[in-house]
Amino acid sequence: MKFSIRDLLWLTVVVALALSWWIDRRNRPQELVDAIWWKTRTGALEEVLRDMDWDVRWEPESVRLSKGTATFVIDTTHFQPSAVKRAP
């Protein structure tokens, strides 16, 4: 059985796609854990603000905080979390 250069190139493409798919899927569980970790902390912060009578409204690219006549809009597209994730 003879293999041509074209057959070897197709094999390379298939192996590369399979390997990249496997690497992507392997990292997904940790990404989900990290997303849940940050979501619970964001929820806790929101609850504290609501307990202090702040109205919290989530918008696609910002958070709007209102209390009485004061309103703050925080652009969430430029901020990164400052806290280092630590195990409980």
N, C-alpha and C. Protein backbone atom coordinates (compact mmCIF):
# COMPACT_ATOMS: atom_id res chain seq x y z
N MET A 1 0.85 -1.17 0.00
CA MET A 1 0.00 0.00 0.00
C MET A 1 0.90 1.25 0.00
N LYS A 2 0.66 2.15 -0.91
CA LYS A 2 1.45 3.37 -1.03
C LYS A 2 0.62 4.56 -0.53
N PHE A 3 1.33 5.45 0.15
CA PHE A 3 0.69 6.69 0.60
C PHE A 3 1.31 7.84 -0.18
N SER A 4 0.47 8.72 -0.62
CA SER A 4 0.98 9.90 -1.35
C SER A 4 1.21 11.03 -0.35
N ILE A 5 1.84 12.07 -0.81
CA ILE A 5 2.06 13.26 0.02
C ILE A 5 0.72 13.84 0.45
N ARG A 6 -0.24 13.82 -0.46
CA ARG A 6 -1.57 14.34 -0.14
C ARG A 6 -2.19 13.55 1.01
N ASP A 7 -2.05 12.23 1.03
CA ASP A 7 -2.59 11.41 2.11
C ASP A 7 -1.94 11.77 3.45
N LEU A 8 -0.64 12.00 3.42
CA LEU A 8 0.07 12.36 4.66
C LEU A 8 -0.35 13.75 5.15
N LEU A 9 -0.59 14.66 4.24
CA LEU A 9 -1.06 15.98 4.64
C LEU A 9 -2.45 15.90 5.26
N TRP A 10 -3.33 15.11 4.67
CA TRP A 10 -4.67 14.92 5.26
C TRP A 10 -4.58 14.29 6.64
N LEU A 11 -3.70 13.33 6.79
CA LEU A 11 -3.51 12.70 8.10
C LEU A 11 -3.01 13.72 9.13
N THR A 12 -2.11 14.57 8.71
CA THR A 12 -1.60 15.62 9.60
C THR A 12 -2.72 16.57 10.02
N VAL A 13 -3.57 16.95 9.09
CA VAL A 13 -4.70 17.84 9.40
C VAL A 13 -5.65 17.17 10.39
N VAL A 14 -5.98 15.92 10.16
CA VAL A 14 -6.91 15.20 11.04
C VAL A 14 -6.32 15.07 12.44
N VAL A 15 -5.06 14.71 12.54
CA VAL A 15 -4.42 14.56 13.85
C VAL A 15 -4.35 15.90 14.57
N ALA A 16 -4.02 16.97 13.85
CA ALA A 16 -3.94 18.30 14.46
C ALA A 16 -5.30 18.75 14.98
N LEU A 17 -6.35 18.52 14.20
CA LEU A 17 -7.70 18.89 14.65
C LEU A 17 -8.13 18.07 15.87
N ALA A 18 -7.87 16.79 15.84
CA ALA A 18 -8.24 15.94 16.98
C ALA A 18 -7.48 16.34 18.23
N LEU A 19 -6.21 16.64 18.10
CA LEU A 19 -5.40 17.03 19.25
C LEU A 19 -5.84 18.38 19.81
N SER A 20 -6.12 19.33 18.94
CA SER A 20 -6.57 20.64 19.43
C SER A 20 -7.94 20.53 20.10
N TRP A 21 -8.82 19.71 19.57
CA TRP A 21 -10.13 19.50 20.20
C TRP A 21 -9.97 18.87 21.58
N TRP A 22 -9.09 17.88 21.70
CA TRP A 22 -8.87 17.20 22.98
C TRP A 22 -8.29 18.17 24.02
N ILE A 23 -7.33 19.00 23.61
CA ILE A 23 -6.73 19.96 24.55
C ILE A 23 -7.77 20.97 25.01
N ASP A 24 -8.60 21.44 24.10
CA ASP A 24 -9.65 22.39 24.46
C ASP A 24 -10.63 21.79 25.45
N ARG A 25 -11.06 20.58 25.20
CA ARG A 25 -12.02 19.91 26.08
C ARG A 25 -11.42 19.58 27.44
N ARG A 26 -10.16 19.31 27.47
CA ARG A 26 -9.49 18.96 28.73
C ARG A 26 -9.49 20.14 29.69
N ASN A 27 -9.43 21.37 29.19
CA ASN A 27 -9.37 22.57 30.04
C ASN A 27 -10.75 23.07 30.46
N ARG A 28 -11.80 22.58 29.86
CA ARG A 28 -13.15 23.09 30.15
C ARG A 28 -13.58 22.91 31.61
N PRO A 29 -13.36 21.78 32.25
CA PRO A 29 -13.84 21.65 33.64
C PRO A 29 -13.25 22.72 34.57
N GLN A 30 -11.98 23.05 34.43
CA GLN A 30 -11.38 24.07 35.29
C GLN A 30 -11.96 25.44 34.99
N GLU A 31 -12.25 25.72 33.74
CA GLU A 31 -12.87 27.00 33.38
C GLU A 31 -14.24 27.12 34.02
N LEU A 32 -14.98 26.02 34.06
CA LEU A 32 -16.31 26.04 34.68
C LEU A 32 -16.19 26.27 36.18
N VAL A 33 -15.24 25.61 36.82
CA VAL A 33 -15.01 25.81 38.26
C VAL A 33 -14.66 27.26 38.54
N ASP A 34 -13.77 27.84 37.72
CA ASP A 34 -13.38 29.24 37.90
C ASP A 34 -14.56 30.18 37.71
N ALA A 35 -15.41 29.91 36.72
CA ALA A 35 -16.58 30.76 36.47
C ALA A 35 -17.55 30.71 37.65
N ILE A 36 -17.77 29.54 38.21
CA ILE A 36 -18.65 29.41 39.37
C ILE A 36 -18.05 30.13 40.57
N TRP A 37 -16.73 30.01 40.74
CA TRP A 37 -16.03 30.66 41.85
C TRP A 37 -16.24 32.16 41.80
N TRP A 38 -16.04 32.76 40.62
CA TRP A 38 -16.21 34.21 40.49
C TRP A 38 -17.68 34.62 40.57
N LYS A 39 -18.58 33.78 40.08
CA LYS A 39 -20.00 34.11 40.12
C LYS A 39 -20.50 34.18 41.57
N THR A 40 -20.08 33.25 42.41
CA THR A 40 -20.53 33.27 43.80
C THR A 40 -19.99 34.49 44.54
N ARG A 41 -18.77 34.89 44.25
CA ARG A 41 -18.21 36.07 44.91
C ARG A 41 -18.88 37.35 44.43
N THR A 42 -19.20 37.40 43.16
CA THR A 42 -19.92 38.56 42.62
C THR A 42 -21.31 38.65 43.26
N GLY A 43 -21.96 37.51 43.41
CA GLY A 43 -23.26 37.49 44.06
C GLY A 43 -23.20 37.95 45.51
N ALA A 44 -22.13 37.55 46.22
CA ALA A 44 -21.97 37.97 47.61
C ALA A 44 -21.77 39.49 47.69
N LEU A 45 -20.96 40.04 46.80
CA LEU A 45 -20.75 41.49 46.78
C LEU A 45 -22.05 42.23 46.45
N GLU A 46 -22.80 41.69 45.51
CA GLU A 46 -24.08 42.30 45.16
C GLU A 46 -25.03 42.29 46.37
N GLU A 47 -25.05 41.21 47.12
CA GLU A 47 -25.91 41.12 48.30
C GLU A 47 -25.52 42.14 49.36
N VAL A 48 -24.23 42.33 49.56
CA VAL A 48 -23.77 43.34 50.53
C VAL A 48 -24.22 44.73 50.10
N LEU A 49 -24.07 45.03 48.82
CA LEU A 49 -24.50 46.34 48.32
C LEU A 49 -26.00 46.53 48.48
N ARG A 50 -26.77 45.50 48.22
CA ARG A 50 -28.24 45.60 48.38
C ARG A 50 -28.62 45.78 49.85
N ASP A 51 -27.88 45.12 50.75
CA ASP A 51 -28.13 45.31 52.19
C ASP A 51 -27.85 46.75 52.62
N MET A 52 -26.96 47.43 51.88
CA MET A 52 -26.64 48.83 52.18
C MET A 52 -27.54 49.78 51.37
N ASP A 53 -28.67 49.25 50.84
CA ASP A 53 -29.68 50.01 50.10
C ASP A 53 -29.21 50.52 48.74
N TRP A 54 -28.24 49.87 48.15
CA TRP A 54 -27.83 50.21 46.79
C TRP A 54 -28.66 49.38 45.82
N ASP A 55 -29.06 50.00 44.71
CA ASP A 55 -29.73 49.28 43.63
C ASP A 55 -28.64 48.86 42.65
N VAL A 56 -28.53 47.57 42.38
CA VAL A 56 -27.49 47.05 41.49
C VAL A 56 -28.15 46.56 40.21
N ARG A 57 -27.72 47.11 39.09
CA ARG A 57 -28.25 46.69 37.79
C ARG A 57 -27.10 46.28 36.89
N TRP A 58 -27.18 45.06 36.42
CA TRP A 58 -26.15 44.54 35.51
C TRP A 58 -26.55 44.84 34.08
N GLU A 59 -25.64 45.45 33.35
CA GLU A 59 -25.85 45.74 31.93
C GLU A 59 -24.77 44.98 31.15
N PRO A 60 -24.91 44.85 29.84
CA PRO A 60 -23.95 44.03 29.08
C PRO A 60 -22.48 44.37 29.31
N GLU A 61 -22.14 45.66 29.45
CA GLU A 61 -20.73 46.02 29.61
C GLU A 61 -20.48 46.93 30.80
N SER A 62 -21.44 46.97 31.74
CA SER A 62 -21.25 47.81 32.92
C SER A 62 -22.16 47.35 34.05
N VAL A 63 -21.90 47.93 35.22
CA VAL A 63 -22.74 47.73 36.38
C VAL A 63 -23.19 49.11 36.83
N ARG A 64 -24.48 49.27 37.05
CA ARG A 64 -25.03 50.56 37.47
C ARG A 64 -25.44 50.45 38.94
N LEU A 65 -24.82 51.29 39.78
CA LEU A 65 -25.14 51.33 41.20
C LEU A 65 -25.88 52.62 41.50
N SER A 66 -27.04 52.53 42.15
CA SER A 66 -27.84 53.72 42.47
C SER A 66 -28.27 53.65 43.92
N LYS A 67 -28.21 54.82 44.56
CA LYS A 67 -28.68 54.95 45.94
C LYS A 67 -29.16 56.38 46.10
N GLY A 68 -30.45 56.56 46.25
CA GLY A 68 -31.01 57.91 46.33
C GLY A 68 -30.77 58.63 45.02
N THR A 69 -30.10 59.78 45.09
CA THR A 69 -29.82 60.55 43.87
C THR A 69 -28.45 60.23 43.29
N ALA A 70 -27.67 59.42 43.99
CA ALA A 70 -26.32 59.07 43.52
C ALA A 70 -26.38 57.87 42.58
N THR A 71 -25.70 57.96 41.46
CA THR A 71 -25.62 56.86 40.50
C THR A 71 -24.18 56.73 40.02
N PHE A 72 -23.69 55.52 40.06
CA PHE A 72 -22.35 55.22 39.57
C PHE A 72 -22.46 54.16 38.49
N VAL A 73 -21.73 54.36 37.39
CA VAL A 73 -21.68 53.37 36.32
C VAL A 73 -20.24 52.88 36.24
N ILE A 74 -20.05 51.59 36.42
CA ILE A 74 -18.72 51.00 36.38
C ILE A 74 -18.59 50.19 35.10
N ASP A 75 -17.66 50.61 34.28
CA ASP A 75 -17.41 49.93 33.00
C ASP A 75 -16.66 48.63 33.29
N THR A 76 -17.27 47.50 32.98
CA THR A 76 -16.67 46.20 33.32
C THR A 76 -15.79 45.64 32.21
N THR A 77 -15.61 46.38 31.13
CA THR A 77 -14.78 45.86 30.04
C THR A 77 -13.30 46.10 30.27
N HIS A 78 -12.94 46.92 31.25
CA HIS A 78 -11.54 47.26 31.47
C HIS A 78 -10.96 46.73 32.78
N PHE A 79 -11.77 46.12 33.60
CA PHE A 79 -11.31 45.67 34.90
C PHE A 79 -11.04 44.18 34.93
N GLN A 80 -10.01 43.83 35.65
CA GLN A 80 -9.69 42.43 35.92
C GLN A 80 -9.81 42.23 37.42
N PRO A 81 -10.13 41.03 37.86
CA PRO A 81 -10.21 40.78 39.31
C PRO A 81 -8.86 41.06 39.98
N SER A 82 -8.92 41.73 41.12
CA SER A 82 -7.68 42.03 41.83
C SER A 82 -7.33 40.94 42.83
N ALA A 83 -8.32 40.17 43.24
CA ALA A 83 -8.07 39.13 44.22
C ALA A 83 -7.44 37.91 43.56
N VAL A 84 -6.55 37.29 44.30
CA VAL A 84 -5.94 36.04 43.84
C VAL A 84 -6.84 34.92 44.31
N LYS A 85 -7.18 34.02 43.40
CA LYS A 85 -8.05 32.92 43.77
C LYS A 85 -7.31 32.01 44.74
N ARG A 86 -7.94 31.80 45.88
CA ARG A 86 -7.35 30.94 46.90
C ARG A 86 -8.30 29.80 47.21
N ALA A 87 -7.75 28.67 47.50
CA ALA A 87 -8.58 27.52 47.87
C ALA A 87 -9.22 27.80 49.23
N PRO A 88 -10.45 27.35 49.43
CA PRO A 88 -11.13 27.60 50.73
C PRO A 88 -10.46 26.85 51.86
